[in-house]
PDB file of all heavy atoms in Angstrom:
ATOM      1  N   VAL A   1      10.362 -49.325  51.616  1.00  0.00           N
ATOM      2  CA  VAL A   1      10.422 -48.031  52.300  1.00  0.00           C
ATOM      3  C   VAL A   1      10.410 -46.900  51.278  1.00  0.00           C
ATOM      4  O   VAL A   1      10.724 -47.097  50.102  1.00  0.00           O
ATOM      5  CB  VAL A   1      11.692 -47.890  53.179  1.00  0.00           C
ATOM      6  CG1 VAL A   1      11.718 -48.932  54.289  1.00  0.00           C
ATOM      7  CG2 VAL A   1      12.959 -47.944  52.336  1.00  0.00           C
ATOM      8  N   VAL A   2      10.046 -45.717  51.772  1.00  0.00           N
ATOM      9  CA  VAL A   2      10.234 -44.471  51.028  1.00  0.00           C
ATOM     10  C   VAL A   2      10.942 -43.514  51.973  1.00  0.00           C
ATOM     11  O   VAL A   2      10.419 -43.193  53.041  1.00  0.00           O
ATOM     12  CB  VAL A   2       8.898 -43.867  50.560  1.00  0.00           C
ATOM     13  CG1 VAL A   2       9.166 -42.612  49.727  1.00  0.00           C
ATOM     14  CG2 VAL A   2       8.084 -44.865  49.765  1.00  0.00           C
ATOM     15  N   VAL A   3      12.144 -43.084  51.604  1.00  0.00           N
ATOM     16  CA  VAL A   3      12.945 -42.200  52.449  1.00  0.00           C
ATOM     17  C   VAL A   3      12.926 -40.805  51.850  1.00  0.00           C
ATOM     18  O   VAL A   3      13.154 -40.623  50.646  1.00  0.00           O
ATOM     19  CB  VAL A   3      14.395 -42.713  52.566  1.00  0.00           C
ATOM     20  CG1 VAL A   3      15.252 -41.726  53.351  1.00  0.00           C
ATOM     21  CG2 VAL A   3      14.424 -44.088  53.242  1.00  0.00           C
ATOM     22  N   VAL A   4      12.677 -39.789  52.687  1.00  0.00           N
ATOM     23  CA  VAL A   4      12.526 -38.431  52.165  1.00  0.00           C
ATOM     24  C   VAL A   4      12.997 -37.405  53.184  1.00  0.00           C
ATOM     25  O   VAL A   4      12.800 -37.548  54.377  1.00  0.00           O
ATOM     26  CB  VAL A   4      11.043 -38.168  51.771  1.00  0.00           C
ATOM     27  CG1 VAL A   4      10.096 -38.453  52.930  1.00  0.00           C
ATOM     28  CG2 VAL A   4      10.847 -36.754  51.262  1.00  0.00           C
ATOM     29  N   GLN A   5      13.635 -36.359  52.678  1.00  0.00           N
ATOM     30  CA  GLN A   5      13.958 -35.177  53.476  1.00  0.00           C
ATOM     31  C   GLN A   5      12.836 -34.171  53.263  1.00  0.00           C
ATOM     32  O   GLN A   5      12.633 -33.676  52.163  1.00  0.00           O
ATOM     33  CB  GLN A   5      15.289 -34.568  53.030  1.00  0.00           C
ATOM     34  CG  GLN A   5      15.647 -33.283  53.783  1.00  0.00           C
ATOM     35  CD  GLN A   5      16.808 -32.539  53.128  1.00  0.00           C
ATOM     36  OE1 GLN A   5      17.441 -33.040  52.187  1.00  0.00           O
ATOM     37  NE2 GLN A   5      17.079 -31.336  53.612  1.00  0.00           N
ATOM     38  N   CYS A   6      12.102 -33.860  54.327  1.00  0.00           N
ATOM     39  CA  CYS A   6      10.920 -33.010  54.168  1.00  0.00           C
ATOM     40  C   CYS A   6      11.217 -31.528  54.259  1.00  0.00           C
ATOM     41  O   CYS A   6      10.423 -30.703  53.778  1.00  0.00           O
ATOM     42  CB  CYS A   6       9.856 -33.378  55.206  1.00  0.00           C
ATOM     43  SG  CYS A   6      10.262 -32.941  56.917  1.00  0.00           S
ATOM     44  N   GLY A   7      12.354 -31.150  54.855  1.00  0.00           N
ATOM     45  CA  GLY A   7      12.606 -29.734  55.106  1.00  0.00           C
ATOM     46  C   GLY A   7      12.142 -29.353  56.505  1.00  0.00           C
ATOM     47  O   GLY A   7      11.504 -30.126  57.209  1.00  0.00           O
ATOM     48  N   ILE A   8      12.461 -28.131  56.895  1.00  0.00           N
ATOM     49  CA  ILE A   8      12.229 -27.668  58.254  1.00  0.00           C
ATOM     50  C   ILE A   8      10.801 -27.141  58.423  1.00  0.00           C
ATOM     51  O   ILE A   8      10.269 -26.450  57.560  1.00  0.00           O
ATOM     52  CB  ILE A   8      13.216 -26.540  58.622  1.00  0.00           C
ATOM     53  CG1 ILE A   8      14.669 -26.996  58.399  1.00  0.00           C
ATOM     54  CG2 ILE A   8      13.001 -26.071  60.051  1.00  0.00           C
ATOM     55  CD1 ILE A   8      15.117 -28.114  59.290  1.00  0.00           C
ATOM     56  N   GLY A   9      10.188 -27.457  59.551  1.00  0.00           N
ATOM     57  CA  GLY A   9       8.921 -26.838  59.909  1.00  0.00           C
ATOM     58  C   GLY A   9       7.706 -27.712  59.712  1.00  0.00           C
ATOM     59  O   GLY A   9       7.729 -28.712  58.991  1.00  0.00           O
ATOM     60  N   LYS A  10       6.610 -27.294  60.365  1.00  0.00           N
ATOM     61  CA  LYS A  10       5.406 -28.120  60.421  1.00  0.00           C
ATOM     62  C   LYS A  10       4.698 -28.240  59.075  1.00  0.00           C
ATOM     63  O   LYS A  10       4.144 -29.300  58.761  1.00  0.00           O
ATOM     64  CB  LYS A  10       4.448 -27.568  61.474  1.00  0.00           C
ATOM     65  CG  LYS A  10       4.983 -27.658  62.898  1.00  0.00           C
ATOM     66  CD  LYS A  10       3.880 -27.462  63.932  1.00  0.00           C
ATOM     67  CE  LYS A  10       3.216 -26.120  63.762  1.00  0.00           C
ATOM     68  NZ  LYS A  10       2.111 -25.906  64.719  1.00  0.00           N
ATOM     69  N   VAL A  11       4.681 -27.186  58.284  1.00  0.00           N
ATOM     70  CA  VAL A  11       3.986 -27.262  56.993  1.00  0.00           C
ATOM     71  C   VAL A  11       4.678 -28.246  56.067  1.00  0.00           C
ATOM     72  O   VAL A  11       4.034 -29.115  55.457  1.00  0.00           O
ATOM     73  CB  VAL A  11       3.891 -25.866  56.345  1.00  0.00           C
ATOM     74  CG1 VAL A  11       3.310 -25.978  54.935  1.00  0.00           C
ATOM     75  CG2 VAL A  11       3.019 -24.943  57.189  1.00  0.00           C
ATOM     76  N   ASN A  12       5.994 -28.134  55.947  1.00  0.00           N
ATOM     77  CA  ASN A  12       6.749 -29.086  55.129  1.00  0.00           C
ATOM     78  C   ASN A  12       6.511 -30.516  55.590  1.00  0.00           C
ATOM     79  O   ASN A  12       6.317 -31.435  54.777  1.00  0.00           O
ATOM     80  CB  ASN A  12       8.247 -28.780  55.195  1.00  0.00           C
ATOM     81  CG  ASN A  12       8.646 -27.575  54.381  1.00  0.00           C
ATOM     82  OD1 ASN A  12       8.016 -27.260  53.379  1.00  0.00           O
ATOM     83  ND2 ASN A  12       9.679 -26.883  54.812  1.00  0.00           N
ATOM     84  N   ALA A  13       6.531 -30.713  56.904  1.00  0.00           N
ATOM     85  CA  ALA A  13       6.385 -32.056  57.463  1.00  0.00           C
ATOM     86  C   ALA A  13       5.023 -32.654  57.152  1.00  0.00           C
ATOM     87  O   ALA A  13       4.910 -33.812  56.741  1.00  0.00           O
ATOM     88  CB  ALA A  13       6.611 -31.999  58.975  1.00  0.00           C
ATOM     89  N   ALA A  14       3.964 -31.872  57.340  1.00  0.00           N
ATOM     90  CA  ALA A  14       2.614 -32.372  57.085  1.00  0.00           C
ATOM     91  C   ALA A  14       2.396 -32.644  55.600  1.00  0.00           C
ATOM     92  O   ALA A  14       1.776 -33.652  55.227  1.00  0.00           O
ATOM     93  CB  ALA A  14       1.587 -31.365  57.592  1.00  0.00           C
ATOM     94  N   MET A  15       2.912 -31.760  54.737  1.00  0.00           N
ATOM     95  CA  MET A  15       2.800 -31.984  53.296  1.00  0.00           C
ATOM     96  C   MET A  15       3.476 -33.289  52.894  1.00  0.00           C
ATOM     97  O   MET A  15       2.970 -34.040  52.059  1.00  0.00           O
ATOM     98  CB  MET A  15       3.438 -30.820  52.531  1.00  0.00           C
ATOM     99  CG  MET A  15       2.625 -29.552  52.499  1.00  0.00           C
ATOM    100  SD  MET A  15       3.462 -28.263  51.548  1.00  0.00           S
ATOM    101  CE  MET A  15       3.493 -29.024  49.921  1.00  0.00           C
ATOM    102  N   CYS A  16       4.605 -33.561  53.520  1.00  0.00           N
ATOM    103  CA  CYS A  16       5.366 -34.764  53.205  1.00  0.00           C
ATOM    104  C   CYS A  16       4.563 -36.021  53.517  1.00  0.00           C
ATOM    105  O   CYS A  16       4.519 -36.965  52.717  1.00  0.00           O
ATOM    106  CB  CYS A  16       6.675 -34.751  53.984  1.00  0.00           C
ATOM    107  SG  CYS A  16       7.783 -36.109  53.586  1.00  0.00           S
ATOM    108  N   VAL A  17       3.914 -36.035  54.673  1.00  0.00           N
ATOM    109  CA  VAL A  17       3.089 -37.198  55.037  1.00  0.00           C
ATOM    110  C   VAL A  17       1.962 -37.386  54.030  1.00  0.00           C
ATOM    111  O   VAL A  17       1.653 -38.515  53.627  1.00  0.00           O
ATOM    112  CB  VAL A  17       2.512 -37.034  56.458  1.00  0.00           C
ATOM    113  CG1 VAL A  17       1.536 -38.166  56.765  1.00  0.00           C
ATOM    114  CG2 VAL A  17       3.624 -37.011  57.490  1.00  0.00           C
ATOM    115  N   GLN A  18       1.345 -36.276  53.588  1.00  0.00           N
ATOM    116  CA  GLN A  18       0.238 -36.401  52.655  1.00  0.00           C
ATOM    117  C   GLN A  18       0.686 -36.986  51.321  1.00  0.00           C
ATOM    118  O   GLN A  18      -0.006 -37.819  50.728  1.00  0.00           O
ATOM    119  CB  GLN A  18      -0.428 -35.041  52.432  1.00  0.00           C
ATOM    120  CG  GLN A  18      -1.815 -35.146  51.833  1.00  0.00           C
ATOM    121  CD  GLN A  18      -2.762 -35.940  52.717  1.00  0.00           C
ATOM    122  OE1 GLN A  18      -2.926 -35.638  53.898  1.00  0.00           O
ATOM    123  NE2 GLN A  18      -3.363 -36.981  52.166  1.00  0.00           N
ATOM    124  N   VAL A  19       1.873 -36.581  50.866  1.00  0.00           N
ATOM    125  CA  VAL A  19       2.409 -37.154  49.628  1.00  0.00           C
ATOM    126  C   VAL A  19       2.702 -38.641  49.818  1.00  0.00           C
ATOM    127  O   VAL A  19       2.392 -39.464  48.943  1.00  0.00           O
ATOM    128  CB  VAL A  19       3.680 -36.407  49.171  1.00  0.00           C
ATOM    129  CG1 VAL A  19       4.310 -37.098  47.968  1.00  0.00           C
ATOM    130  CG2 VAL A  19       3.355 -34.958  48.825  1.00  0.00           C
ATOM    131  N   LEU A  20       3.276 -38.995  50.959  1.00  0.00           N
ATOM    132  CA  LEU A  20       3.559 -40.406  51.240  1.00  0.00           C
ATOM    133  C   LEU A  20       2.275 -41.235  51.241  1.00  0.00           C
ATOM    134  O   LEU A  20       2.250 -42.368  50.754  1.00  0.00           O
ATOM    135  CB  LEU A  20       4.262 -40.552  52.588  1.00  0.00           C
ATOM    136  CG  LEU A  20       5.737 -40.144  52.642  1.00  0.00           C
ATOM    137  CD1 LEU A  20       6.221 -40.082  54.074  1.00  0.00           C
ATOM    138  CD2 LEU A  20       6.601 -41.087  51.824  1.00  0.00           C
ATOM    139  N   ALA A  21       1.202 -40.663  51.780  1.00  0.00           N
ATOM    140  CA  ALA A  21      -0.079 -41.372  51.820  1.00  0.00           C
ATOM    141  C   ALA A  21      -0.703 -41.480  50.436  1.00  0.00           C
ATOM    142  O   ALA A  21      -1.160 -42.553  50.025  1.00  0.00           O
ATOM    143  CB  ALA A  21      -1.029 -40.665  52.783  1.00  0.00           C
ATOM    144  N   ASP A  22      -0.728 -40.376  49.700  1.00  0.00           N
ATOM    145  CA  ASP A  22      -1.443 -40.326  48.422  1.00  0.00           C
ATOM    146  C   ASP A  22      -0.684 -40.990  47.282  1.00  0.00           C
ATOM    147  O   ASP A  22      -1.254 -41.745  46.493  1.00  0.00           O
ATOM    148  CB  ASP A  22      -1.726 -38.872  48.035  1.00  0.00           C
ATOM    149  CG  ASP A  22      -2.745 -38.199  48.926  1.00  0.00           C
ATOM    150  OD1 ASP A  22      -3.449 -38.916  49.662  1.00  0.00           O
ATOM    151  OD2 ASP A  22      -2.833 -36.959  48.900  1.00  0.00           O
ATOM    152  N   LEU A  23       0.609 -40.691  47.193  1.00  0.00           N
ATOM    153  CA  LEU A  23       1.392 -41.124  46.036  1.00  0.00           C
ATOM    154  C   LEU A  23       2.043 -42.493  46.241  1.00  0.00           C
ATOM    155  O   LEU A  23       2.214 -43.248  45.277  1.00  0.00           O
ATOM    156  CB  LEU A  23       2.463 -40.074  45.725  1.00  0.00           C
ATOM    157  CG  LEU A  23       3.061 -40.058  44.317  1.00  0.00           C
ATOM    158  CD1 LEU A  23       1.961 -39.794  43.276  1.00  0.00           C
ATOM    159  CD2 LEU A  23       4.136 -38.983  44.215  1.00  0.00           C
ATOM    160  N   PHE A  24       2.388 -42.807  47.487  1.00  0.00           N
ATOM    161  CA  PHE A  24       3.153 -44.026  47.742  1.00  0.00           C
ATOM    162  C   PHE A  24       2.411 -45.055  48.590  1.00  0.00           C
ATOM    163  O   PHE A  24       2.910 -46.159  48.794  1.00  0.00           O
ATOM    164  CB  PHE A  24       4.483 -43.669  48.419  1.00  0.00           C
ATOM    165  CG  PHE A  24       5.362 -42.804  47.570  1.00  0.00           C
ATOM    166  CD1 PHE A  24       5.381 -41.427  47.764  1.00  0.00           C
ATOM    167  CD2 PHE A  24       6.140 -43.331  46.552  1.00  0.00           C
ATOM    168  CE1 PHE A  24       6.181 -40.603  46.985  1.00  0.00           C
ATOM    169  CE2 PHE A  24       6.942 -42.525  45.761  1.00  0.00           C
ATOM    170  CZ  PHE A  24       6.958 -41.154  45.975  1.00  0.00           C
ATOM    171  N   GLN A  25       1.242 -44.689  49.088  1.00  0.00           N
ATOM    172  CA  GLN A  25       0.406 -45.611  49.869  1.00  0.00           C
ATOM    173  C   GLN A  25       1.175 -46.284  51.009  1.00  0.00           C
ATOM    174  O   GLN A  25       1.094 -47.497  51.203  1.00  0.00           O
ATOM    175  CB  GLN A  25      -0.235 -46.688  48.972  1.00  0.00           C
ATOM    176  CG  GLN A  25      -1.282 -46.149  48.004  1.00  0.00           C
ATOM    177  CD  GLN A  25      -0.660 -45.563  46.745  1.00  0.00           C
ATOM    178  OE1 GLN A  25       0.188 -46.189  46.120  1.00  0.00           O
ATOM    179  NE2 GLN A  25      -1.063 -44.374  46.376  1.00  0.00           N
ATOM    180  N   VAL A  26       1.956 -45.488  51.754  1.00  0.00           N
ATOM    181  CA  VAL A  26       2.665 -46.064  52.900  1.00  0.00           C
ATOM    182  C   VAL A  26       1.655 -46.483  53.962  1.00  0.00           C
ATOM    183  O   VAL A  26       0.547 -45.949  54.046  1.00  0.00           O
ATOM    184  CB  VAL A  26       3.697 -45.078  53.496  1.00  0.00           C
ATOM    185  CG1 VAL A  26       4.719 -44.667  52.452  1.00  0.00           C
ATOM    186  CG2 VAL A  26       3.026 -43.882  54.125  1.00  0.00           C
ATOM    187  N   THR A  27       2.044 -47.449  54.767  1.00  0.00           N
ATOM    188  CA  THR A  27       1.184 -47.923  55.847  1.00  0.00           C
ATOM    189  C   THR A  27       1.640 -47.428  57.211  1.00  0.00           C
ATOM    190  O   THR A  27       0.864 -47.398  58.161  1.00  0.00           O
ATOM    191  CB  THR A  27       1.164 -49.462  55.866  1.00  0.00           C
ATOM    192  OG1 THR A  27       2.513 -49.949  55.996  1.00  0.00           O
ATOM    193  CG2 THR A  27       0.546 -50.011  54.582  1.00  0.00           C
ATOM    194  N   HIS A  28       2.920 -47.071  57.307  1.00  0.00           N
ATOM    195  CA  HIS A  28       3.505 -46.615  58.568  1.00  0.00           C
ATOM    196  C   HIS A  28       4.416 -45.419  58.281  1.00  0.00           C
ATOM    197  O   HIS A  28       5.015 -45.335  57.201  1.00  0.00           O
ATOM    198  CB  HIS A  28       4.334 -47.717  59.233  1.00  0.00           C
ATOM    199  CG  HIS A  28       3.554 -48.928  59.616  1.00  0.00           C
ATOM    200  ND1 HIS A  28       3.076 -49.824  58.691  1.00  0.00           N
ATOM    201  CD2 HIS A  28       3.174 -49.398  60.840  1.00  0.00           C
ATOM    202  CE1 HIS A  28       2.422 -50.787  59.313  1.00  0.00           C
ATOM    203  NE2 HIS A  28       2.469 -50.558  60.619  1.00  0.00           N
ATOM    204  N   VAL A  29       4.529 -44.536  59.260  1.00  0.00           N
ATOM    205  CA  VAL A  29       5.400 -43.366  59.135  1.00  0.00           C
ATOM    206  C   VAL A  29       6.358 -43.332  60.313  1.00  0.00           C
ATOM    207  O   VAL A  29       5.935 -43.415  61.479  1.00  0.00           O
ATOM    208  CB  VAL A  29       4.585 -42.057  59.090  1.00  0.00           C
ATOM    209  CG1 VAL A  29       5.518 -40.858  59.105  1.00  0.00           C
ATOM    210  CG2 VAL A  29       3.691 -42.024  57.853  1.00  0.00           C
ATOM    211  N   LEU A  30       7.644 -43.223  60.015  1.00  0.00           N
ATOM    212  CA  LEU A  30       8.683 -43.099  61.039  1.00  0.00           C
ATOM    213  C   LEU A  30       9.411 -41.784  60.798  1.00  0.00           C
ATOM    214  O   LEU A  30       9.956 -41.561  59.725  1.00  0.00           O
ATOM    215  CB  LEU A  30       9.643 -44.285  60.970  1.00  0.00           C
ATOM    216  CG  LEU A  30      10.681 -44.412  62.081  1.00  0.00           C
ATOM    217  CD1 LEU A  30      11.108 -45.864  62.245  1.00  0.00           C
ATOM    218  CD2 LEU A  30      11.918 -43.558  61.803  1.00  0.00           C
ATOM    219  N   ASN A  31       9.415 -40.930  61.788  1.00  0.00           N
ATOM    220  CA  ASN A  31      10.097 -39.635  61.686  1.00  0.00           C
ATOM    221  C   ASN A  31      11.362 -39.668  62.528  1.00  0.00           C
ATOM    222  O   ASN A  31      11.303 -39.899  63.734  1.00  0.00           O
ATOM    223  CB  ASN A  31       9.152 -38.535  62.161  1.00  0.00           C
ATOM    224  CG  ASN A  31       9.778 -37.148  62.153  1.00  0.00           C
ATOM    225  OD1 ASN A  31       9.442 -36.320  62.987  1.00  0.00           O
ATOM    226  ND2 ASN A  31      10.676 -36.878  61.236  1.00  0.00           N
TER     227      ASN A  31
END
């Protein structure tokens, strides 16, 4: 797993997913 606090709001949230995809190659996302 990769656990992360993204911060409040849609921009923070979307940026967080992109980092998870690019840097950590996650296969699933649970919010």
